[in-house]
Amino acid sequence: MTASNEYGKALFEITEEAGTTDRVLGEMRLVKSAIGQSPDYVKLLDTPAIPKEERSSLAERAFGELDCNLCNLIMLLSEKHLCYLIPKIADDYSALYDESRGIISVEVISAIPLTSGQADRLTAKLGAITGKRIRLEPTVDPYVLGGIKVRYSGIQQDGTVRARLDAFEKSLKNTVI
């Protein structure tokens, strides 16, 4: 188990006990997004050249409004020069959340955006197949030409026009005349 797994698991267990898991999930996503937009801030919180008290103060000012357990974790990570792990910790926390709530993420690739009706029908069908709650993660890729490609839990189902054309081309190449 990696350090990010350990921190994510510890935070998850603490927030489950405190009943703040949903709130912290949202806040973790915000922190991850903010850090993604300001990678230099992470370097600042991790740099040993800045005294520990000053780094803690910076973390407190930036993240003090968050859930106290999340804020404490960020301050701890800053003390240990591990703030660069925050995005991975957020992913690990999110995975634990999903697992505990019976949610699976499903990547859906289509040539054009799915309508809300299509997304709802796909969510219902996948929910019936898997017995889980579904979170769709749609991606638009014009290369697929039409149809959809679905990926979840190590399964890939490719019903795209591109896949059919590629299979047809392969069968033509293998045909002896």
C-alpha atoms as a PDB file:
ATOM      1  CA  MET A   1       0.000   0.000   0.000  1.00  0.00           C
ATOM      2  CA  THR A   2       1.348   3.433  -0.899  1.00  0.00           C
ATOM      3  CA  ALA A   3       1.455   6.511   1.301  1.00  0.00           C
ATOM      4  CA  SER A   4      -1.423   8.081  -0.621  1.00  0.00           C
ATOM      5  CA  ASN A   5      -3.531   4.940  -0.033  1.00  0.00           C
ATOM      6  CA  GLU A   6      -2.793   5.070   3.688  1.00  0.00           C
ATOM      7  CA  TYR A   7      -3.661   8.769   4.011  1.00  0.00           C
ATOM      8  CA  GLY A   8      -6.782   8.388   1.864  1.00  0.00           C
ATOM      9  CA  LYS A   9      -7.952   5.401   3.886  1.00  0.00           C
ATOM     10  CA  ALA A  10      -7.256   7.121   7.213  1.00  0.00           C
ATOM     11  CA  LEU A  11      -9.155  10.241   6.156  1.00  0.00           C
ATOM     12  CA  PHE A  12     -12.026   8.139   4.862  1.00  0.00           C
ATOM     13  CA  GLU A  13     -12.312   6.169   8.105  1.00  0.00           C
ATOM     14  CA  ILE A  14     -12.206   9.346  10.205  1.00  0.00           C
ATOM     15  CA  THR A  15     -14.848  11.094   8.094  1.00  0.00           C
ATOM     16  CA  GLU A  16     -17.091   8.018   8.110  1.00  0.00           C
ATOM     17  CA  GLU A  17     -17.002   8.061  11.922  1.00  0.00           C
ATOM     18  CA  ALA A  18     -17.640  11.814  11.984  1.00  0.00           C
ATOM     19  CA  GLY A  19     -20.428  11.603   9.389  1.00  0.00           C
ATOM     20  CA  THR A  20     -18.715  14.120   7.113  1.00  0.00           C
ATOM     21  CA  THR A  21     -17.718  11.815   4.266  1.00  0.00           C
ATOM     22  CA  ASP A  22     -19.914  13.475   1.639  1.00  0.00           C
ATOM     23  CA  ARG A  23     -18.749  16.964   2.574  1.00  0.00           C
ATOM     24  CA  VAL A  24     -15.085  15.960   2.547  1.00  0.00           C
ATOM     25  CA  LEU A  25     -15.487  14.249  -0.825  1.00  0.00           C
ATOM     26  CA  GLY A  26     -16.656  17.526  -2.345  1.00  0.00           C
ATOM     27  CA  GLU A  27     -13.919  19.467  -0.598  1.00  0.00           C
ATOM     28  CA  MET A  28     -11.247  16.971  -1.706  1.00  0.00           C
ATOM     29  CA  ARG A  29     -12.350  17.483  -5.304  1.00  0.00           C
ATOM     30  CA  LEU A  30     -12.099  21.247  -4.866  1.00  0.00           C
ATOM     31  CA  VAL A  31      -8.630  20.982  -3.315  1.00  0.00           C
ATOM     32  CA  LYS A  32      -7.470  18.660  -6.094  1.00  0.00           C
ATOM     33  CA  SER A  33      -8.759  21.076  -8.711  1.00  0.00           C
ATOM     34  CA  ALA A  34      -7.173  24.081  -7.001  1.00  0.00           C
ATOM     35  CA  ILE A  35      -3.844  22.313  -6.708  1.00  0.00           C
ATOM     36  CA  GLY A  36      -4.040  21.271 -10.347  1.00  0.00           C
ATOM     37  CA  GLN A  37      -4.432  24.914 -11.281  1.00  0.00           C
ATOM     38  CA  SER A  38      -1.630  26.072  -8.962  1.00  0.00           C
ATOM     39  CA  PRO A  39       1.145  23.448  -8.889  1.00  0.00           C
ATOM     40  CA  ASP A  40       3.580  26.059  -7.599  1.00  0.00           C
ATOM     41  CA  TYR A  41       1.520  26.346  -4.424  1.00  0.00           C
ATOM     42  CA  VAL A  42       2.138  22.664  -3.695  1.00  0.00           C
ATOM     43  CA  LYS A  43       5.870  23.247  -4.155  1.00  0.00           C
ATOM     44  CA  LEU A  44       5.617  26.157  -1.734  1.00  0.00           C
ATOM     45  CA  LEU A  45       3.868  24.002   0.895  1.00  0.00           C
ATOM     46  CA  ASP A  46       6.407  21.217   0.403  1.00  0.00           C
ATOM     47  CA  THR A  47       9.615  23.224   0.325  1.00  0.00           C
ATOM     48  CA  PRO A  48      11.920  22.668   3.293  1.00  0.00           C
ATOM     49  CA  ALA A  49      13.400  26.158   2.771  1.00  0.00           C
ATOM     50  CA  ILE A  50      10.293  27.681   4.351  1.00  0.00           C
ATOM     51  CA  PRO A  51       9.990  27.163   8.113  1.00  0.00           C
ATOM     52  CA  LYS A  52       7.382  24.636   9.237  1.00  0.00           C
ATOM     53  CA  GLU A  53       5.332  27.249  11.101  1.00  0.00           C
ATOM     54  CA  GLU A  54       5.116  29.458   8.030  1.00  0.00           C
ATOM     55  CA  ARG A  55       4.058  26.531   5.812  1.00  0.00           C
ATOM     56  CA  SER A  56       1.430  25.543   8.374  1.00  0.00           C
ATOM     57  CA  SER A  57       0.166  29.115   8.448  1.00  0.00           C
ATOM     58  CA  LEU A  58      -0.068  29.177   4.641  1.00  0.00           C
ATOM     59  CA  ALA A  59      -1.991  25.897   4.649  1.00  0.00           C
ATOM     60  CA  GLU A  60      -4.274  27.127   7.441  1.00  0.00           C
ATOM     61  CA  ARG A  61      -5.074  30.356   5.589  1.00  0.00           C
ATOM     62  CA  ALA A  62      -5.750  28.548   2.304  1.00  0.00           C
ATOM     63  CA  PHE A  63      -7.641  25.550   3.638  1.00  0.00           C
ATOM     64  CA  GLY A  64      -8.869  26.592   7.102  1.00  0.00           C
ATOM     65  CA  GLU A  65     -12.519  26.789   5.993  1.00  0.00           C
ATOM     66  CA  LEU A  66     -12.513  23.119   4.982  1.00  0.00           C
ATOM     67  CA  ASP A  67     -13.538  20.229   7.196  1.00  0.00           C
ATOM     68  CA  CYS A  68     -11.122  20.190  10.146  1.00  0.00           C
ATOM     69  CA  ASN A  69      -9.945  16.639   9.383  1.00  0.00           C
ATOM     70  CA  LEU A  70      -9.099  17.552   5.790  1.00  0.00           C
ATOM     71  CA  CYS A  71      -7.372  20.751   6.861  1.00  0.00           C
ATOM     72  CA  ASN A  72      -5.346  18.837   9.450  1.00  0.00           C
ATOM     73  CA  LEU A  73      -4.341  16.300   6.828  1.00  0.00           C
ATOM     74  CA  ILE A  74      -3.118  19.037   4.488  1.00  0.00           C
ATOM     75  CA  MET A  75      -1.132  20.633   7.304  1.00  0.00           C
ATOM     76  CA  LEU A  76       0.378  17.234   8.192  1.00  0.00           C
ATOM     77  CA  LEU A  77       1.298  16.634   4.568  1.00  0.00           C
ATOM     78  CA  SER A  78       2.940  20.042   4.463  1.00  0.00           C
ATOM     79  CA  GLU A  79       4.984  19.223   7.577  1.00  0.00           C
ATOM     80  CA  LYS A  80       6.151  16.008   5.927  1.00  0.00           C
ATOM     81  CA  HIS A  81       6.727  17.654   2.507  1.00  0.00           C
ATOM     82  CA  LEU A  82       4.090  15.386   0.961  1.00  0.00           C
ATOM     83  CA  CYS A  83       1.511  17.860  -0.405  1.00  0.00           C
ATOM     84  CA  TYR A  84       2.322  16.624  -3.894  1.00  0.00           C
ATOM     85  CA  LEU A  85       0.352  13.490  -2.906  1.00  0.00           C
ATOM     86  CA  ILE A  86      -2.920  15.393  -2.462  1.00  0.00           C
ATOM     87  CA  PRO A  87      -4.327  14.619  -5.959  1.00  0.00           C
ATOM     88  CA  LYS A  88      -3.626  10.898  -5.515  1.00  0.00           C
ATOM     89  CA  ILE A  89      -5.045  10.954  -1.975  1.00  0.00           C
ATOM     90  CA  ALA A  90      -8.189  12.583  -3.382  1.00  0.00           C
ATOM     91  CA  ASP A  91      -8.467   9.786  -5.963  1.00  0.00           C
ATOM     92  CA  ASP A  92      -7.968   7.105  -3.304  1.00  0.00           C
ATOM     93  CA  TYR A  93     -10.545   8.749  -1.027  1.00  0.00           C
ATOM     94  CA  SER A  94     -13.007   8.955  -3.910  1.00  0.00           C
ATOM     95  CA  ALA A  95     -12.454   5.268  -4.768  1.00  0.00           C
ATOM     96  CA  LEU A  96     -13.130   4.266  -1.156  1.00  0.00           C
ATOM     97  CA  TYR A  97     -16.248   6.418  -1.151  1.00  0.00           C
ATOM     98  CA  ASP A  98     -17.510   4.814  -4.357  1.00  0.00           C
ATOM     99  CA  GLU A  99     -16.758   1.301  -3.129  1.00  0.00           C
ATOM    100  CA  SER A 100     -18.561   1.876   0.163  1.00  0.00           C
ATOM    101  CA  ARG A 101     -21.613   3.307  -1.619  1.00  0.00           C
ATOM    102  CA  GLY A 102     -21.776   0.694  -4.407  1.00  0.00           C
ATOM    103  CA  ILE A 103     -20.915   3.187  -7.138  1.00  0.00           C
ATOM    104  CA  ILE A 104     -18.880   2.431 -10.241  1.00  0.00           C
ATOM    105  CA  SER A 105     -17.533   4.935 -12.723  1.00  0.00           C
ATOM    106  CA  VAL A 106     -18.266   4.154 -16.331  1.00  0.00           C
ATOM    107  CA  GLU A 107     -16.322   5.800 -19.125  1.00  0.00           C
ATOM    108  CA  VAL A 108     -18.532   6.320 -22.172  1.00  0.00           C
ATOM    109  CA  ILE A 109     -16.933   7.388 -25.441  1.00  0.00           C
ATOM    110  CA  SER A 110     -19.164   8.615 -28.237  1.00  0.00           C
ATOM    111  CA  ALA A 111     -18.810  10.626 -31.441  1.00  0.00           C
ATOM    112  CA  ILE A 112     -21.244  13.276 -30.209  1.00  0.00           C
ATOM    113  CA  PRO A 113     -22.426  14.158 -26.700  1.00  0.00           C
ATOM    114  CA  LEU A 114     -25.075  11.852 -25.257  1.00  0.00           C
ATOM    115  CA  THR A 115     -28.482  13.396 -24.711  1.00  0.00           C
ATOM    116  CA  SER A 116     -29.813  13.325 -21.176  1.00  0.00           C
ATOM    117  CA  GLY A 117     -32.310  10.637 -22.229  1.00  0.00           C
ATOM    118  CA  GLN A 118     -29.556   8.473 -23.698  1.00  0.00           C
ATOM    119  CA  ALA A 119     -27.434   8.936 -20.583  1.00  0.00           C
ATOM    120  CA  ASP A 120     -30.382   8.032 -18.342  1.00  0.00           C
ATOM    121  CA  ARG A 121     -31.188   4.878 -20.336  1.00  0.00           C
ATOM    122  CA  LEU A 122     -27.526   3.818 -20.387  1.00  0.00           C
ATOM    123  CA  THR A 123     -27.225   4.435 -16.641  1.00  0.00           C
ATOM    124  CA  ALA A 124     -30.347   2.356 -15.964  1.00  0.00           C
ATOM    125  CA  LYS A 125     -29.210  -0.506 -18.213  1.00  0.00           C
ATOM    126  CA  LEU A 126     -25.689  -0.621 -16.736  1.00  0.00           C
ATOM    127  CA  GLY A 127     -27.139  -0.405 -13.228  1.00  0.00           C
ATOM    128  CA  ALA A 128     -29.330  -3.428 -13.971  1.00  0.00           C
ATOM    129  CA  ILE A 129     -26.353  -5.346 -15.411  1.00  0.00           C
ATOM    130  CA  THR A 130     -23.901  -4.550 -12.609  1.00  0.00           C
ATOM    131  CA  GLY A 131     -26.247  -4.171  -9.649  1.00  0.00           C
ATOM    132  CA  LYS A 132     -24.404  -0.970  -8.777  1.00  0.00           C
ATOM    133  CA  ARG A 133     -25.077   2.742  -8.930  1.00  0.00           C
ATOM    134  CA  ILE A 134     -23.524   4.202 -12.053  1.00  0.00           C
ATOM    135  CA  ARG A 135     -21.559   7.418 -12.488  1.00  0.00           C
ATOM    136  CA  LEU A 136     -21.142   8.145 -16.204  1.00  0.00           C
ATOM    137  CA  GLU A 137     -17.955   9.840 -17.349  1.00  0.00           C
ATOM    138  CA  PRO A 138     -18.758  10.834 -20.930  1.00  0.00           C
ATOM    139  CA  THR A 139     -16.062  11.654 -23.474  1.00  0.00           C
ATOM    140  CA  VAL A 140     -16.592  12.867 -27.025  1.00  0.00           C
ATOM    141  CA  ASP A 141     -14.245  11.448 -29.667  1.00  0.00           C
ATOM    142  CA  PRO A 142     -15.266  12.054 -33.293  1.00  0.00           C
ATOM    143  CA  TYR A 143     -12.866   9.263 -34.364  1.00  0.00           C
ATOM    144  CA  VAL A 144     -15.388   6.625 -33.243  1.00  0.00           C
ATOM    145  CA  LEU A 145     -17.778   7.929 -35.961  1.00  0.00           C
ATOM    146  CA  GLY A 146     -20.904   6.637 -34.224  1.00  0.00           C
ATOM    147  CA  GLY A 147     -22.095   4.260 -31.526  1.00  0.00           C
ATOM    148  CA  ILE A 148     -20.464   4.100 -28.096  1.00  0.00           C
ATOM    149  CA  LYS A 149     -17.578   2.477 -26.312  1.00  0.00           C
ATOM    150  CA  VAL A 150     -18.139   1.673 -22.627  1.00  0.00           C
ATOM    151  CA  ARG A 151     -15.429   0.884 -20.054  1.00  0.00           C
ATOM    152  CA  TYR A 152     -15.963  -0.092 -16.427  1.00  0.00           C
ATOM    153  CA  SER A 153     -14.415  -2.434 -13.870  1.00  0.00           C
ATOM    154  CA  GLY A 154     -11.912  -3.835 -16.369  1.00  0.00           C
ATOM    155  CA  ILE A 155     -14.625  -4.469 -18.976  1.00  0.00           C
ATOM    156  CA  GLN A 156     -14.725  -2.802 -22.377  1.00  0.00           C
ATOM    157  CA  GLN A 157     -17.648  -3.030 -24.739  1.00  0.00           C
ATOM    158  CA  ASP A 158     -17.058  -1.449 -28.130  1.00  0.00           C
ATOM    159  CA  GLY A 159     -20.144  -0.822 -30.222  1.00  0.00           C
ATOM    160  CA  THR A 160     -18.642   1.978 -32.285  1.00  0.00           C
ATOM    161  CA  VAL A 161     -18.828   2.345 -36.033  1.00  0.00           C
ATOM    162  CA  ARG A 162     -15.034   2.617 -36.054  1.00  0.00           C
ATOM    163  CA  ALA A 163     -14.691  -0.820 -34.430  1.00  0.00           C
ATOM    164  CA  ARG A 164     -17.111  -2.331 -36.943  1.00  0.00           C
ATOM    165  CA  LEU A 165     -15.261  -0.759 -39.877  1.00  0.00           C
ATOM    166  CA  ASP A 166     -11.916  -1.962 -38.524  1.00  0.00           C
ATOM    167  CA  ALA A 167     -13.296  -5.498 -38.144  1.00  0.00           C
ATOM    168  CA  PHE A 168     -14.726  -5.381 -41.672  1.00  0.00           C
ATOM    169  CA  GLU A 169     -11.411  -4.147 -43.077  1.00  0.00           C
ATOM    170  CA  LYS A 170      -9.566  -6.946 -41.270  1.00  0.00           C
ATOM    171  CA  SER A 171     -11.947  -9.575 -42.639  1.00  0.00           C
ATOM    172  CA  LEU A 172     -11.503  -8.204 -46.172  1.00  0.00           C
ATOM    173  CA  LYS A 173      -7.719  -8.377 -45.842  1.00  0.00           C
ATOM    174  CA  ASN A 174      -7.971 -11.996 -44.716  1.00  0.00           C
ATOM    175  CA  THR A 175     -10.259 -12.964 -47.577  1.00  0.00           C
ATOM    176  CA  VAL A 176      -8.571 -14.997 -50.300  1.00  0.00           C
ATOM    177  CA  ILE A 177      -9.898 -14.415 -53.786  1.00  0.00           C
END
